[in-house]
């Protein structure tokens, strides 16, 4: 840093040292700058002027931006020079007192030169400089306060010892910061901190920062004790001037050592004694006492509340004193010791120890002692012991796991859960990581239908020593040698991953076709044991024969993302199961979902179906030729739409994953998934497989479950219209459609069908055929699906040519899917329906409701359908719509509507009388669980208890950490674009440190086309942009959306619901009144205003009083 320094006389303003440029470091102070100026100018000054150049003569220090600009006065000489950088000042002026004759005469008489003055300044004591910032964090504030605390008791250190002083204060700061929250804990454990440190509390406000409570550990305390010991070992700390500070540091060190030794002793005792015990530490017969306390006439005021409560209770009805006794340990002890009430009582004390402490219970008894009183007391004690929590030691749990883990290959998380369920002990984890694993295991065990969804518990067979399958295995060896091996993405390791067969069953069928008829065919399990074991060091490896140097691998599932509505939506699915079982003779259950798009390469460039996004293409130096690229920069793709028709079991607790799979394979560009396409394709499946006359569904009730994607979201008007289409075309008496919560699609049974389809797609690369050159040129530079569709509208021949180029690859995928089976039932595959058929089916909706075809058609949007009064009248009369369900039912009564009069009810009269809409989950009285289906069925549908319908700031730790990491990005100037939530349709901002590049814009455009983003979702950071995580669908539109630099790019939307339609105008009276008092009014729609919401304002105008 370069500064211009001058020294002037206070009396006449004369320059003693003219403006001189200095290049200095930011770490110095203004006093050190003055000494450097004196040292440099000493040769050109006379003895009188040299005498003035002493820091004791400095009257003022001023800094300026320019030599003639207005100065800012510096208050203290020891302030850091970095202040000039912070204030953007380059000129420094020192003003000295020229009338200080005593000082100057003394200097002249002794003839002290500048070198002696400099040596004296080196011996002067200084405290380390404070941290000078406008906004300081907790550790920085603590550092400055420690300097202020040291100033009265210690003069500091010399310039040569400056680093030692900073080291001591930093070490003290680190120690006080670490134990900031634990002062009371130290006191309770008999290690109170010295009184001088009681003021240093409240700096580490972890609750305000939404951090976890810090844990004091032996390792960290030992580190702090070593640092403090090193500071006390500095030679300078043994001087008299540092005696007081030395004593204070030594007292803090003693306290920390005492607490560290106590923790270390406790940890050692737990590891070597408590945790390894074969029985719990708590034994009721040894750790409890029961005492009779007679009544008194005058009850102390301390026990008035307890006395009123116990006077209303019956004899032998126990009361827990936890809610009556004080929280403080000593006061609680006195409270229990002196308890006397107006009725005779029994006091039962149970010493748990640990964090639980001692539990205290009281109950009233008759005053006379009798055998009945003893018997009743024993009964109450047994009831208390039955209800209090039970704990087990780590040794007990480990003995159970070690015992059964030898014989059953079950994950330890499941064994732990089994132990706690069998022993009815509390679920206690050894570590935080173990607690998270236990929670995930419990969630899946409670919400899953089939244990196979999680764990395969089948044991392995032994080695096969029979040679009757020799011919079969010899042919299998030839098959492996003949197989052409392709490159797989995990090729940079000691194992080469090669595509052999879809599954063991498929391999068995292929070899069976190659061997002569009558050859002995082994089972699939016998074939699997001929491979190499996954892990040669496990005991199961002994059961493999190793005939073929091949390992069989299957891709496993990944962890799931939670959602606040997860339990609510799971309970709704539970209600649907009970509904289906109740009406199983009259209902059909269909689960629908779209599999991930199968990537299709351009002509001559096949793309692997199992590719991971954004991988780079690289050819191996040697070995098999590269026959498939592993990147995903393509436009072509295939959408497999799955419809799983479940066989409804007799019991709702049984598995619903029994039935048939129907797959519709279609092109993602010109046959993309829409609500009307899904409804028409499902109608075709119903008429081909579940209709006697090929028109109406055999049973009058149809229940659907989807994952809630954009083409299945039940709050969309287009989805509602498609379900009405299905309801009318299949002549249903009732249709119920539910969906899963966001990121919870694994609950949908159709999701489990995807793993079967993945087997058909593994280890293959696909590419479409080439179109005529003119059409290839049309789509060559088109990077989005909409761009290709727009080109097809201008050139009708493009759509036909593209369909021809996709015909071959569609046939290949269909053939591979048809080879799959679900529990012996083959998968049935269809091609996508044509738009003409969809329009014909949709025409029935307009004919029945009387709605205009301009409002309800294939290109209709939500606003068009919402504006159709005729259609909305039909919906209001027959439908019930909630966030996670949409239900339609025919009129039941003497006065049906025109449609129901023509299409009468098909259910028997006794069944139709009991039929009602599926209820929404409602919490029980405690609020911990939901009410059962039978308790709610037949009542009004109530969706007000959905967790996401209430605004909450309780976001997950991952979301909070993400926003905290990106806090510098989540600002209005960094907002680059918007993306709409697929749930609530509110615009959410896209933030980036710089303008989005072309690749980033393409990635964002594809993300928008998928319409899969939901408020609070995480976006892959590798894309180059982020979104705010701590936000939900009930959160209003971000204020940064209305910033000046975005106004020209985004439309105005309602701040509450995000709607662009029906916004209040500036000329309306309500808005005019607000503008009279505020400068900015956020947009507000009439619908939100109608619900009583007030417009959000900013910039209040203040008026002078007349």
Foldseek 3Di string as FASTA:
>chain_A
DKAWEWEAEPPPRHTLGHTDIDDDDQQAWQQVVLLVSLVVCQVVHDLLSNLQSAPVFWDWKWFALDPPDDTDTDDDRRATPCVCVVVNTRYMYTYGYSPPVVSSVVCVVVVDGSVVRVVVLQAQFAARHQDDDPDDALLSVLLVVVSVLCVVQFRHHGPVCRVLNVLLSSLVSVVCLLCQPPQVVLVVVVLHQDPSSPVSHDSCPCVVLVHDDDDDALVVLVVSLVSLVVSLPPPVCPDPRNVVVSVNSVRRSVSSVVVSVVRVVVVVCCVVPQQQDQWHPFDQVVFKDKDKAAADDDFDPLCPVVQVVQVPDDALPKDWCPVRADPDPVRSVVCVVPDHYRAIKMWMWGAPDDPVGITIMIGGDDPDDDPVRVVSVVVSVVVVVVPDAAAGHNSNLVVQCVVCVVPWVDDSLVSLVVVCVVVVHDSDDPDPVSVVSNVVVVVCVVLPLDCVLPDDGDDADAADPDCLLVVLVVLLVVLVVPDAWAQDPPPPDPDGDTDRALALVRSQVVSVVVDDPPRDGDDSSNVQLQEQDPDCPDPSRNRHPNVDPDHDDADDDDDFDDDLLQVQQSVLVLLVLVVCLVPVVQEWEKEKEKDPWQAAAAAQAWEARPADEPDDFDFDPDDHGHRHGRYRQHAKTKIKIKIFTFNRDNDSSHDRLDGAIEIAIEICQPQNDALLQVLLVVLQVQLVPQDPVSWAGPHQEYEYEYACFLRCFQVWLRNVLNVVLNCQRNLHQKYKYFHGDFRPRVSGSRVVCVSQLVSLRHNDTHYFHDFPPVLCVCCVPPRHSVSNVVSCVVPVVNVVRVCNRCVVVSVSSQVSQQVTDDVNHGYHYHYGDDQVSSQVSSVVLCVVLVWDCVLDDPPHGRVSSVPGPSNVVQCVVAWDDDRGMIMGHFDDDDDGDPSCVVSDDPDDPVVVVQDDDQARWDADPVRPHTDHRVVPRPHDHDPPPRVQVDDDQDDDPVLSVVCVVCVVFPDLVQFADWAAASRLRATFTKGAPDHDDPQLVSVVVVVNVSNSHAALDFDPCVSGITTRNSDHSQQFYDPSCPDDVNPVPDAAAARGRRHNPQKDDCPDPLNVVVVVFAVDWHIHHPVVVVVVDDIDGDHTDDDDDD
